C-alpha atoms as a PDB file:
ATOM      1  CA  UNK A   1     112.459  64.655  13.803  1.00  0.00           C
ATOM      2  CA  UNK A   2     110.308  63.545  10.885  1.00  0.00           C
ATOM      3  CA  UNK A   3     110.422  67.094   9.563  1.00  0.00           C
ATOM      4  CA  UNK A   4     114.217  67.032   9.764  1.00  0.00           C
ATOM      5  CA  UNK A   5     114.465  63.796   7.798  1.00  0.00           C
ATOM      6  CA  UNK A   6     112.147  65.168   5.098  1.00  0.00           C
ATOM      7  CA  UNK A   7     114.357  68.202   4.662  1.00  0.00           C
ATOM      8  CA  UNK A   8     117.468  66.008   4.361  1.00  0.00           C
ATOM      9  CA  UNK A   9     115.811  63.782   1.731  1.00  0.00           C
ATOM     10  CA  UNK A  10     114.745  66.784  -0.302  1.00  0.00           C
ATOM     11  CA  UNK A  11     118.280  68.094  -0.243  1.00  0.00           C
ATOM     12  CA  UNK A  12     119.582  64.702  -1.169  1.00  0.00           C
ATOM     13  CA  UNK A  13     117.118  64.459  -4.106  1.00  0.00           C
ATOM     14  CA  UNK A  14     118.217  67.778  -5.415  1.00  0.00           C
ATOM     15  CA  UNK A  15     121.748  66.620  -5.216  1.00  0.00           C
ATOM     16  CA  UNK A  16     120.883  63.364  -7.107  1.00  0.00           C
ATOM     17  CA  UNK A  17     119.088  65.386  -9.759  1.00  0.00           C
ATOM     18  CA  UNK A  18     122.144  67.360 -10.320  1.00  0.00           C
ATOM     19  CA  UNK A  19     124.352  64.304 -10.263  1.00  0.00           C
ATOM     20  CA  UNK A  20     124.337  63.957 -13.997  1.00  0.00           C
ATOM     21  CA  UNK A  21     125.649  67.497 -14.187  1.00  0.00           C
ATOM     22  CA  UNK A  22     128.533  66.568 -11.966  1.00  0.00           C
ATOM     23  CA  UNK A  23     129.549  63.396 -13.682  1.00  0.00           C
ATOM     24  CA  UNK A  24     132.192  65.216 -15.438  1.00  0.00           C
ATOM     25  CA  UNK A  25     133.730  66.201 -11.949  1.00  0.00           C
ATOM     26  CA  UNK A  26     136.673  64.289 -10.599  1.00  0.00           C
ATOM     27  CA  UNK A  27     136.350  61.816  -7.778  1.00  0.00           C
ATOM     28  CA  UNK A  28     138.155  64.168  -5.419  1.00  0.00           C
ATOM     29  CA  UNK A  29     135.781  66.986  -6.161  1.00  0.00           C
ATOM     30  CA  UNK A  30     132.822  64.695  -5.733  1.00  0.00           C
ATOM     31  CA  UNK A  31     134.127  63.535  -2.375  1.00  0.00           C
ATOM     32  CA  UNK A  32     134.647  67.117  -1.323  1.00  0.00           C
ATOM     33  CA  UNK A  33     131.125  68.061  -2.325  1.00  0.00           C
ATOM     34  CA  UNK A  34     129.746  65.143  -0.341  1.00  0.00           C
ATOM     35  CA  UNK A  35     131.698  66.183   2.728  1.00  0.00           C
ATOM     36  CA  UNK A  36     130.464  69.736   2.386  1.00  0.00           C
ATOM     37  CA  UNK A  37     126.890  68.535   2.023  1.00  0.00           C
ATOM     38  CA  UNK A  38     127.227  66.295   5.101  1.00  0.00           C
ATOM     39  CA  UNK A  39     128.764  69.132   7.109  1.00  0.00           C
ATOM     40  CA  UNK A  40     125.960  71.458   6.059  1.00  0.00           C
ATOM     41  CA  UNK A  41     123.373  68.846   6.968  1.00  0.00           C
ATOM     42  CA  UNK A  42     124.993  68.388  10.373  1.00  0.00           C
ATOM     43  CA  UNK A  43     125.052  72.114  10.881  1.00  0.00           C
ATOM     44  CA  UNK A  44     121.382  72.380   9.905  1.00  0.00           C
ATOM     45  CA  UNK A  45     120.620  69.515  12.253  1.00  0.00           C
ATOM     46  CA  UNK A  46     122.527  71.215  15.052  1.00  0.00           C
ATOM     47  CA  UNK A  47     120.626  74.448  14.361  1.00  0.00           C
ATOM     48  CA  UNK A  48     117.371  72.545  14.476  1.00  0.00           C
ATOM     49  CA  UNK A  49     118.400  70.927  17.779  1.00  0.00           C
ATOM     50  CA  UNK A  50     119.309  74.353  19.130  1.00  0.00           C
ATOM     51  CA  UNK A  51     115.952  75.734  18.042  1.00  0.00           C
ATOM     52  CA  UNK A  52     114.299  72.741  19.634  1.00  0.00           C
ATOM     53  CA  UNK A  53     116.134  73.369  22.945  1.00  0.00           C
ATOM     54  CA  UNK A  54     115.218  77.022  22.690  1.00  0.00           C
ATOM     55  CA  UNK A  55     111.589  76.139  22.142  1.00  0.00           C
ATOM     56  CA  UNK A  56     111.750  73.778  25.136  1.00  0.00           C
ATOM     57  CA  UNK A  57     113.210  76.518  27.296  1.00  0.00           C
ATOM     58  CA  UNK A  58     110.647  79.022  26.096  1.00  0.00           C
ATOM     59  CA  UNK A  59     107.896  76.506  26.787  1.00  0.00           C
ATOM     60  CA  UNK A  60     109.365  75.802  30.215  1.00  0.00           C
ATOM     61  CA  UNK A  61     109.563  79.534  30.891  1.00  0.00           C
ATOM     62  CA  UNK A  62     105.975  79.920  29.734  1.00  0.00           C
ATOM     63  CA  UNK A  63     104.917  77.049  31.976  1.00  0.00           C
ATOM     64  CA  UNK A  64     106.900  78.526  34.882  1.00  0.00           C
ATOM     65  CA  UNK A  65     105.263  81.917  34.244  1.00  0.00           C
ATOM     66  CA  UNK A  66     101.833  80.275  34.235  1.00  0.00           C
ATOM     67  CA  UNK A  67     102.681  78.520  37.487  1.00  0.00           C
ATOM     68  CA  UNK A  68     104.008  81.778  38.922  1.00  0.00           C
ATOM     69  CA  UNK A  69     100.888  83.626  37.788  1.00  0.00           C
ATOM     70  CA  UNK A  70      98.729  80.930  39.338  1.00  0.00           C
ATOM     71  CA  UNK A  71     100.697  81.094  42.592  1.00  0.00           C
ATOM     72  CA  UNK A  72     100.401  84.891  42.563  1.00  0.00           C
ATOM     73  CA  UNK A  73      96.673  84.638  41.992  1.00  0.00           C
ATOM     74  CA  UNK A  74      96.414  82.113  44.822  1.00  0.00           C
ATOM     75  CA  UNK A  75      98.388  84.436  47.102  1.00  0.00           C
ATOM     76  CA  UNK A  76      96.215  87.405  46.123  1.00  0.00           C
ATOM     77  CA  UNK A  77      93.121  85.315  46.742  1.00  0.00           C
ATOM     78  CA  UNK A  78      94.424  84.223  50.168  1.00  0.00           C
ATOM     79  CA  UNK A  79      95.302  87.851  51.006  1.00  0.00           C
ATOM     80  CA  UNK A  80      91.823  88.918  49.991  1.00  0.00           C
ATOM     81  CA  UNK A  81      90.333  86.221  52.189  1.00  0.00           C
ATOM     82  CA  UNK A  82      92.587  87.287  55.068  1.00  0.00           C
ATOM     83  CA  UNK A  83      91.559  90.900  54.563  1.00  0.00           C
ATOM     84  CA  UNK A  84      87.896  89.935  54.565  1.00  0.00           C
ATOM     85  CA  UNK A  85      88.406  87.907  57.724  1.00  0.00           C
ATOM     86  CA  UNK A  86      90.329  90.772  59.354  1.00  0.00           C
ATOM     87  CA  UNK A  87      87.524  93.180  58.421  1.00  0.00           C
ATOM     88  CA  UNK A  88      84.974  90.811  59.900  1.00  0.00           C
ATOM     89  CA  UNK A  89      87.027  90.467  63.100  1.00  0.00           C
ATOM     90  CA  UNK A  90      87.438  94.255  63.323  1.00  0.00           C
ATOM     91  CA  UNK A  91      83.705  94.702  62.844  1.00  0.00           C
ATOM     92  CA  UNK A  92      82.999  92.153  65.574  1.00  0.00           C
ATOM     93  CA  UNK A  93      85.583  93.850  67.845  1.00  0.00           C
ATOM     94  CA  UNK A  94      83.970  97.247  67.248  1.00  0.00           C
ATOM     95  CA  UNK A  95      80.543  95.801  68.036  1.00  0.00           C
ATOM     96  CA  UNK A  96      81.914  94.168  71.186  1.00  0.00           C
ATOM     97  CA  UNK A  97      83.554  97.443  72.227  1.00  0.00           C
ATOM     98  CA  UNK A  98      80.283  99.294  71.730  1.00  0.00           C
ATOM     99  CA  UNK A  99      78.480  96.684  73.810  1.00  0.00           C
ATOM    100  CA  UNK A 100      81.114  96.992  76.560  1.00  0.00           C
ATOM    101  CA  UNK A 101      80.885 100.798  76.507  1.00  0.00           C
ATOM    102  CA  UNK A 102      77.115 100.546  76.702  1.00  0.00           C
ATOM    103  CA  UNK A 103      77.374  98.070  79.576  1.00  0.00           C
ATOM    104  CA  UNK A 104      79.897 100.307  81.375  1.00  0.00           C
ATOM    105  CA  UNK A 105      77.636 103.326  80.934  1.00  0.00           C
ATOM    106  CA  UNK A 106      74.703 101.394  82.335  1.00  0.00           C
ATOM    107  CA  UNK A 107      76.847 100.248  85.285  1.00  0.00           C
ATOM    108  CA  UNK A 108      78.172 103.786  85.816  1.00  0.00           C
ATOM    109  CA  UNK A 109      74.652 105.203  85.807  1.00  0.00           C
ATOM    110  CA  UNK A 110      73.576 102.477  88.241  1.00  0.00           C
ATOM    111  CA  UNK A 111      76.530 103.236  90.542  1.00  0.00           C
ATOM    112  CA  UNK A 112      75.766 106.945  90.379  1.00  0.00           C
ATOM    113  CA  UNK A 113      72.128 106.333  91.256  1.00  0.00           C
ATOM    114  CA  UNK A 114      73.189 103.970  94.050  1.00  0.00           C
ATOM    115  CA  UNK A 115      75.693 106.534  95.410  1.00  0.00           C
ATOM    116  CA  UNK A 116      73.069 109.293  95.350  1.00  0.00           C
ATOM    117  CA  UNK A 117      70.633 107.021  97.146  1.00  0.00           C
ATOM    118  CA  UNK A 118      73.253 106.070  99.760  1.00  0.00           C
ATOM    119  CA  UNK A 119      74.235 109.716 100.226  1.00  0.00           C
ATOM    120  CA  UNK A 120      70.635 110.756 100.709  1.00  0.00           C
ATOM    121  CA  UNK A 121      70.076 107.854 103.098  1.00  0.00           C
ATOM    122  CA  UNK A 122      73.267 108.671 105.082  1.00  0.00           C
ATOM    123  CA  UNK A 123      72.311 112.347 105.289  1.00  0.00           C
ATOM    124  CA  UNK A 124      68.878 111.408 106.599  1.00  0.00           C
ATOM    125  CA  UNK A 125      70.390 108.964 109.098  1.00  0.00           C
ATOM    126  CA  UNK A 126      72.966 111.581 110.195  1.00  0.00           C
ATOM    127  CA  UNK A 127      70.237 114.182 110.572  1.00  0.00           C
ATOM    128  CA  UNK A 128      68.118 111.751 112.573  1.00  0.00           C
ATOM    129  CA  UNK A 129      71.109 110.788 114.718  1.00  0.00           C
ATOM    130  CA  UNK A 130      71.957 114.439 115.311  1.00  0.00           C
ATOM    131  CA  UNK A 131      68.360 115.104 116.278  1.00  0.00           C
ATOM    132  CA  UNK A 132      68.346 112.169 118.711  1.00  0.00           C
ATOM    133  CA  UNK A 133      71.684 113.281 120.202  1.00  0.00           C
ATOM    134  CA  UNK A 134      70.357 116.800 120.623  1.00  0.00           C
ATOM    135  CA  UNK A 135      67.206 115.463 122.292  1.00  0.00           C
ATOM    136  CA  UNK A 136      69.309 113.203 124.539  1.00  0.00           C
ATOM    137  CA  UNK A 137      71.618 116.117 125.403  1.00  0.00           C
ATOM    138  CA  UNK A 138      68.641 118.331 126.211  1.00  0.00           C
ATOM    139  CA  UNK A 139      67.106 115.583 128.325  1.00  0.00           C
ATOM    140  CA  UNK A 140      70.393 115.071 130.137  1.00  0.00           C
ATOM    141  CA  UNK A 141      70.740 118.788 130.759  1.00  0.00           C
ATOM    142  CA  UNK A 142      67.248 118.968 132.199  1.00  0.00           C
ATOM    143  CA  UNK A 143      67.980 115.974 134.438  1.00  0.00           C
ATOM    144  CA  UNK A 144      71.151 117.626 135.704  1.00  0.00           C
ATOM    145  CA  UNK A 145      69.350 120.892 136.293  1.00  0.00           C
ATOM    146  CA  UNK A 146      66.709 119.008 138.286  1.00  0.00           C
ATOM    147  CA  UNK A 147      69.451 117.230 140.230  1.00  0.00           C
ATOM    148  CA  UNK A 148      71.189 120.530 140.988  1.00  0.00           C
ATOM    149  CA  UNK A 149      67.955 121.952 142.377  1.00  0.00           C
ATOM    150  CA  UNK A 150      67.792 119.069 144.856  1.00  0.00           C
ATOM    151  CA  UNK A 151      71.291 119.803 146.169  1.00  0.00           C
ATOM    152  CA  UNK A 152      71.941 122.206 148.998  1.00  0.00           C
ATOM    153  CA  UNK A 153      71.747 125.942 148.217  1.00  0.00           C
ATOM    154  CA  UNK A 154      74.923 127.502 146.894  1.00  0.00           C
ATOM    155  CA  UNK A 155      76.027 124.485 144.867  1.00  0.00           C
ATOM    156  CA  UNK A 156      77.952 126.103 141.988  1.00  0.00           C
ATOM    157  CA  UNK A 157      76.312 125.686 138.546  1.00  0.00           C
ATOM    158  CA  UNK A 158      79.789 125.700 136.961  1.00  0.00           C
ATOM    159  CA  UNK A 159      80.214 122.162 138.242  1.00  0.00           C
ATOM    160  CA  UNK A 160      77.750 120.908 135.610  1.00  0.00           C
ATOM    161  CA  UNK A 161      80.583 119.682 133.374  1.00  0.00           C
ATOM    162  CA  UNK A 162      80.436 117.094 130.542  1.00  0.00           C
ATOM    163  CA  UNK A 163      80.152 113.543 131.855  1.00  0.00           C
ATOM    164  CA  UNK A 164      82.368 112.065 129.152  1.00  0.00           C
ATOM    165  CA  UNK A 165      85.236 113.461 127.126  1.00  0.00           C
ATOM    166  CA  UNK A 166      84.574 113.346 123.372  1.00  0.00           C
ATOM    167  CA  UNK A 167      87.653 112.405 121.346  1.00  0.00           C
ATOM    168  CA  UNK A 168      87.025 114.953 118.580  1.00  0.00           C
ATOM    169  CA  UNK A 169      86.925 117.878 121.027  1.00  0.00           C
ATOM    170  CA  UNK A 170      89.547 120.493 120.251  1.00  0.00           C
ATOM    171  CA  UNK A 171      91.195 120.418 123.676  1.00  0.00           C
ATOM    172  CA  UNK A 172      92.355 117.087 125.058  1.00  0.00           C
ATOM    173  CA  UNK A 173      91.790 115.784 128.606  1.00  0.00           C
ATOM    174  CA  UNK A 174      94.177 116.995 131.308  1.00  0.00           C
ATOM    175  CA  UNK A 175      93.683 114.363 134.013  1.00  0.00           C
ATOM    176  CA  UNK A 176      93.976 110.564 133.866  1.00  0.00           C
ATOM    177  CA  UNK A 177      90.985 110.326 136.215  1.00  0.00           C
ATOM    178  CA  UNK A 178      87.478 109.779 134.859  1.00  0.00           C
ATOM    179  CA  UNK A 179      86.783 111.644 131.646  1.00  0.00           C
ATOM    180  CA  UNK A 180      89.816 113.894 132.083  1.00  0.00           C
ATOM    181  CA  UNK A 181      87.751 116.861 133.334  1.00  0.00           C
ATOM    182  CA  UNK A 182      85.918 115.393 136.325  1.00  0.00           C
ATOM    183  CA  UNK A 183      85.298 118.330 138.717  1.00  0.00           C
ATOM    184  CA  UNK A 184      86.614 118.410 142.257  1.00  0.00           C
ATOM    185  CA  UNK A 185      83.247 119.720 143.428  1.00  0.00           C
ATOM    186  CA  UNK A 186      82.827 120.565 147.122  1.00  0.00           C
ATOM    187  CA  UNK A 187      84.923 118.995 149.872  1.00  0.00           C
ATOM    188  CA  UNK A 188      86.056 119.806 153.420  1.00  0.00           C
ATOM    189  CA  UNK A 189      88.269 122.626 152.142  1.00  0.00           C
ATOM    190  CA  UNK A 190      85.758 124.359 149.876  1.00  0.00           C
ATOM    191  CA  UNK A 191      84.554 124.526 146.280  1.00  0.00           C
ATOM    192  CA  UNK A 192      86.737 123.908 143.238  1.00  0.00           C
ATOM    193  CA  UNK A 193      84.703 125.743 140.607  1.00  0.00           C
ATOM    194  CA  UNK A 194      85.868 128.859 138.794  1.00  0.00           C
ATOM    195  CA  UNK A 195      85.326 132.066 140.753  1.00  0.00           C
ATOM    196  CA  UNK A 196      84.445 130.217 143.973  1.00  0.00           C
ATOM    197  CA  UNK A 197      84.979 132.383 147.039  1.00  0.00           C
ATOM    198  CA  UNK A 198      88.299 132.028 148.910  1.00  0.00           C
ATOM    199  CA  UNK A 199      89.152 133.534 152.329  1.00  0.00           C
ATOM    200  CA  UNK A 200      92.390 135.423 152.894  1.00  0.00           C
ATOM    201  CA  UNK A 201      94.281 135.377 156.199  1.00  0.00           C
ATOM    202  CA  UNK A 202      92.929 138.863 157.034  1.00  0.00           C
ATOM    203  CA  UNK A 203      89.337 137.698 156.621  1.00  0.00           C
ATOM    204  CA  UNK A 204      88.801 139.249 153.193  1.00  0.00           C
ATOM    205  CA  UNK A 205      87.731 137.137 150.206  1.00  0.00           C
ATOM    206  CA  UNK A 206      89.121 136.556 146.740  1.00  0.00           C
ATOM    207  CA  UNK A 207      87.828 134.629 143.711  1.00  0.00           C
ATOM    208  CA  UNK A 208      89.173 131.221 142.805  1.00  0.00           C
ATOM    209  CA  UNK A 209      91.053 131.867 139.536  1.00  0.00           C
ATOM    210  CA  UNK A 210      90.759 128.412 138.029  1.00  0.00           C
ATOM    211  CA  UNK A 211      88.837 125.159 137.783  1.00  0.00           C
ATOM    212  CA  UNK A 212      89.839 122.167 139.939  1.00  0.00           C
ATOM    213  CA  UNK A 213      89.892 118.794 138.188  1.00  0.00           C
ATOM    214  CA  UNK A 214      90.135 115.460 140.034  1.00  0.00           C
ATOM    215  CA  UNK A 215      93.438 113.594 139.773  1.00  0.00           C
ATOM    216  CA  UNK A 216      95.326 110.995 141.803  1.00  0.00           C
ATOM    217  CA  UNK A 217      98.793 111.592 143.237  1.00  0.00           C
ATOM    218  CA  UNK A 218     101.419 110.093 140.940  1.00  0.00           C
ATOM    219  CA  UNK A 219      99.108 109.930 137.909  1.00  0.00           C
ATOM    220  CA  UNK A 220     100.224 111.405 134.570  1.00  0.00           C
ATOM    221  CA  UNK A 221      99.015 114.859 133.598  1.00  0.00           C
ATOM    222  CA  UNK A 222      98.355 115.449 129.884  1.00  0.00           C
ATOM    223  CA  UNK A 223      98.817 118.537 127.748  1.00  0.00           C
ATOM    224  CA  UNK A 224      95.382 119.693 126.516  1.00  0.00           C
ATOM    225  CA  UNK A 225      96.910 121.373 123.429  1.00  0.00           C
ATOM    226  CA  UNK A 226     100.014 121.847 121.293  1.00  0.00           C
ATOM    227  CA  UNK A 227     102.075 124.264 123.329  1.00  0.00           C
ATOM    228  CA  UNK A 228     105.392 125.352 124.781  1.00  0.00           C
ATOM    229  CA  UNK A 229     106.447 124.892 128.417  1.00  0.00           C
ATOM    230  CA  UNK A 230     107.028 128.572 129.154  1.00  0.00           C
ATOM    231  CA  UNK A 231     107.759 128.528 132.872  1.00  0.00           C
ATOM    232  CA  UNK A 232     107.907 126.329 135.991  1.00  0.00           C
ATOM    233  CA  UNK A 233     107.674 127.914 139.463  1.00  0.00           C
ATOM    234  CA  UNK A 234     106.739 127.336 143.081  1.00  0.00           C
ATOM    235  CA  UNK A 235     103.118 128.214 143.765  1.00  0.00           C
ATOM    236  CA  UNK A 236     103.443 129.353 147.383  1.00  0.00           C
ATOM    237  CA  UNK A 237     106.022 131.775 148.707  1.00  0.00           C
ATOM    238  CA  UNK A 238     108.319 130.787 151.600  1.00  0.00           C
ATOM    239  CA  UNK A 239     106.627 131.034 154.978  1.00  0.00           C
ATOM    240  CA  UNK A 240     103.190 130.129 153.651  1.00  0.00           C
ATOM    241  CA  UNK A 241     101.555 127.550 155.904  1.00  0.00           C
ATOM    242  CA  UNK A 242     104.819 126.826 157.717  1.00  0.00           C
ATOM    243  CA  UNK A 243     106.436 125.908 154.365  1.00  0.00           C
ATOM    244  CA  UNK A 244     104.522 122.626 154.310  1.00  0.00           C
ATOM    245  CA  UNK A 245     103.277 123.435 150.796  1.00  0.00           C
ATOM    246  CA  UNK A 246     106.530 124.759 149.353  1.00  0.00           C
ATOM    247  CA  UNK A 247     106.942 121.570 147.311  1.00  0.00           C
ATOM    248  CA  UNK A 248     103.937 122.367 145.134  1.00  0.00           C
ATOM    249  CA  UNK A 249     104.766 123.348 141.543  1.00  0.00           C
ATOM    250  CA  UNK A 250     102.928 125.268 138.799  1.00  0.00           C
ATOM    251  CA  UNK A 251     103.534 125.152 135.033  1.00  0.00           C
ATOM    252  CA  UNK A 252     102.760 127.905 132.517  1.00  0.00           C
ATOM    253  CA  UNK A 253     101.809 126.628 129.038  1.00  0.00           C
ATOM    254  CA  UNK A 254     101.546 128.875 125.960  1.00  0.00           C
ATOM    255  CA  UNK A 255      99.641 127.498 122.945  1.00  0.00           C
ATOM    256  CA  UNK A 256     101.389 127.154 119.596  1.00  0.00           C
ATOM    257  CA  UNK A 257     100.198 126.536 116.021  1.00  0.00           C
ATOM    258  CA  UNK A 258      96.409 126.411 115.863  1.00  0.00           C
ATOM    259  CA  UNK A 259      96.278 126.906 119.671  1.00  0.00           C
ATOM    260  CA  UNK A 260      98.162 130.230 119.532  1.00  0.00           C
ATOM    261  CA  UNK A 261      96.626 132.719 121.973  1.00  0.00           C
ATOM    262  CA  UNK A 262      95.584 130.140 124.591  1.00  0.00           C
ATOM    263  CA  UNK A 263      97.574 130.350 127.832  1.00  0.00           C
ATOM    264  CA  UNK A 264      97.088 127.916 130.746  1.00  0.00           C
ATOM    265  CA  UNK A 265      98.463 127.776 134.271  1.00  0.00           C
ATOM    266  CA  UNK A 266      98.353 124.273 135.734  1.00  0.00           C
ATOM    267  CA  UNK A 267      99.076 123.834 139.471  1.00  0.00           C
ATOM    268  CA  UNK A 268     100.134 120.934 141.713  1.00  0.00           C
ATOM    269  CA  UNK A 269     102.069 119.124 139.017  1.00  0.00           C
ATOM    270  CA  UNK A 270     105.763 118.556 138.406  1.00  0.00           C
ATOM    271  CA  UNK A 271     107.420 117.997 135.054  1.00  0.00           C
ATOM    272  CA  UNK A 272     107.854 114.365 134.071  1.00  0.00           C
ATOM    273  CA  UNK A 273     111.254 112.959 133.179  1.00  0.00           C
ATOM    274  CA  UNK A 274     112.472 114.164 129.790  1.00  0.00           C
ATOM    275  CA  UNK A 275     110.501 117.443 129.822  1.00  0.00           C
ATOM    276  CA  UNK A 276     111.960 120.907 130.491  1.00  0.00           C
ATOM    277  CA  UNK A 277     111.221 124.628 130.234  1.00  0.00           C
ATOM    278  CA  UNK A 278     111.247 125.867 126.624  1.00  0.00           C
ATOM    279  CA  UNK A 279     110.287 122.491 125.212  1.00  0.00           C
ATOM    280  CA  UNK A 280     107.564 122.177 122.563  1.00  0.00           C
ATOM    281  CA  UNK A 281     104.956 119.516 123.430  1.00  0.00           C
ATOM    282  CA  UNK A 282     101.932 118.064 121.641  1.00  0.00           C
ATOM    283  CA  UNK A 283      98.302 117.624 122.665  1.00  0.00           C
ATOM    284  CA  UNK A 284      98.047 114.418 124.709  1.00  0.00           C
ATOM    285  CA  UNK A 285     101.716 114.332 125.850  1.00  0.00           C
ATOM    286  CA  UNK A 286     102.054 113.107 129.463  1.00  0.00           C
ATOM    287  CA  UNK A 287     104.367 116.006 130.340  1.00  0.00           C
ATOM    288  CA  UNK A 288     103.810 116.114 134.120  1.00  0.00           C
ATOM    289  CA  UNK A 289     103.045 114.090 137.267  1.00  0.00           C
ATOM    290  CA  UNK A 290     100.273 114.892 139.765  1.00  0.00           C
ATOM    291  CA  UNK A 291     101.528 115.907 143.213  1.00  0.00           C
ATOM    292  CA  UNK A 292     100.086 114.874 146.585  1.00  0.00           C
ATOM    293  CA  UNK A 293      97.799 117.528 148.064  1.00  0.00           C
ATOM    294  CA  UNK A 294      95.493 115.627 150.397  1.00  0.00           C
ATOM    295  CA  UNK A 295      98.217 114.151 152.618  1.00  0.00           C
ATOM    296  CA  UNK A 296     100.954 116.811 152.745  1.00  0.00           C
ATOM    297  CA  UNK A 297      99.799 120.378 152.103  1.00  0.00           C
ATOM    298  CA  UNK A 298      96.170 119.756 153.095  1.00  0.00           C
ATOM    299  CA  UNK A 299      96.142 116.794 155.510  1.00  0.00           C
ATOM    300  CA  UNK A 300      92.775 115.390 156.661  1.00  0.00           C
ATOM    301  CA  UNK A 301      90.879 117.301 159.339  1.00  0.00           C
ATOM    302  CA  UNK A 302      90.160 115.925 162.790  1.00  0.00           C
ATOM    303  CA  UNK A 303      86.795 114.627 161.653  1.00  0.00           C
ATOM    304  CA  UNK A 304      88.527 112.661 158.873  1.00  0.00           C
ATOM    305  CA  UNK A 305      87.262 114.790 156.044  1.00  0.00           C
ATOM    306  CA  UNK A 306      89.917 115.622 153.520  1.00  0.00           C
ATOM    307  CA  UNK A 307      90.608 117.635 150.354  1.00  0.00           C
ATOM    308  CA  UNK A 308      90.053 115.956 147.003  1.00  0.00           C
ATOM    309  CA  UNK A 309      93.368 115.615 145.190  1.00  0.00           C
ATOM    310  CA  UNK A 310      93.093 117.806 142.079  1.00  0.00           C
ATOM    311  CA  UNK A 311      94.753 119.770 139.280  1.00  0.00           C
ATOM    312  CA  UNK A 312      94.176 123.529 139.340  1.00  0.00           C
ATOM    313  CA  UNK A 313      93.617 124.836 135.778  1.00  0.00           C
ATOM    314  CA  UNK A 314      93.612 128.545 134.830  1.00  0.00           C
ATOM    315  CA  UNK A 315      92.869 130.009 131.391  1.00  0.00           C
ATOM    316  CA  UNK A 316      94.158 133.320 129.940  1.00  0.00           C
ATOM    317  CA  UNK A 317      93.933 134.893 126.520  1.00  0.00           C
ATOM    318  CA  UNK A 318      97.178 135.684 124.625  1.00  0.00           C
ATOM    319  CA  UNK A 319      99.325 136.018 127.779  1.00  0.00           C
ATOM    320  CA  UNK A 320      99.242 135.567 131.509  1.00  0.00           C
ATOM    321  CA  UNK A 321      98.065 138.731 133.290  1.00  0.00           C
ATOM    322  CA  UNK A 322      97.209 138.481 136.964  1.00  0.00           C
ATOM    323  CA  UNK A 323      93.494 138.979 137.562  1.00  0.00           C
ATOM    324  CA  UNK A 324      92.610 138.548 133.846  1.00  0.00           C
ATOM    325  CA  UNK A 325      91.685 134.871 134.051  1.00  0.00           C
ATOM    326  CA  UNK A 326      88.784 133.532 131.986  1.00  0.00           C
ATOM    327  CA  UNK A 327      86.220 130.789 132.512  1.00  0.00           C
ATOM    328  CA  UNK A 328      87.832 127.541 131.275  1.00  0.00           C
ATOM    329  CA  UNK A 329      84.620 125.457 131.389  1.00  0.00           C
ATOM    330  CA  UNK A 330      83.521 126.242 127.766  1.00  0.00           C
ATOM    331  CA  UNK A 331      86.848 124.899 126.494  1.00  0.00           C
ATOM    332  CA  UNK A 332      86.107 121.359 127.725  1.00  0.00           C
ATOM    333  CA  UNK A 333      83.629 120.402 124.996  1.00  0.00           C
ATOM    334  CA  UNK A 334      84.735 123.035 122.481  1.00  0.00           C
ATOM    335  CA  UNK A 335      85.002 121.906 118.847  1.00  0.00           C
ATOM    336  CA  UNK A 336      87.776 123.017 116.508  1.00  0.00           C
ATOM    337  CA  UNK A 337      86.977 126.484 115.075  1.00  0.00           C
ATOM    338  CA  UNK A 338      86.228 126.641 111.332  1.00  0.00           C
END
């Protein structure tokens, strides 16, 4: 502002200096010159004000730019700090991951060592158990052999059957009595073992074609394998023993699936309700009912001795052929073939 006033005074001085030269001008011309000088001064003042405003704006822009630059620098600094922090966190995370992987490896190795130890221990225990079972089985066999020697001469060795049915045996139990394969043994009507001697009406003898297994009249009879009910028929022809045994029934079973090739004839049983010829049945199905032998077909003798109620079980390979029966005893404790 002071600068502006100085400029105006200088202009006014110049004009005063030249005043003597303009004395000869008319009053109107003088007035006009004054007005022109005032207008020019105002214009110069306005220009100065404009320059001043421009300078203010430029200064404000410069200040704003400085502020913006400072803010940008602050942002860049914060970003750099964030990046450093993120790098530190990533480094810590990587270290933690490595520690976890190391810990997991140690645990995995420990589990592996523990599993190997347990496996070795279990194998030793299983081997020891198997050895003890074998020793117990051998001891039991010797005891039975000794017991058989004490019995009367002629006692059939085939009666030395397993004392307990083992659930993982390949063939299931047939009877609901005892272990499912408890032998009939010897009673008032003879022996029930395979190939025991039987007398014909003419005095000749024939071999017993099956193995007799104890069972109670009315008890369920179980299928020892997966099979098909191939045939049901009467065991004795009309006229045999005054027809008193004509009620007795036999069932022919043919193995299926993994039991293909095994054929059984089972006597003195009748099909249970819901079962019929041609039907496929499973191992363990109660497909039949035990009939009454000891009171109807073979009533007690005068001395009171009677026949042991039993299931007659015959075994054939691939198909039933008369006279081609096989010993069924080995099937009782047979394991599933590999």
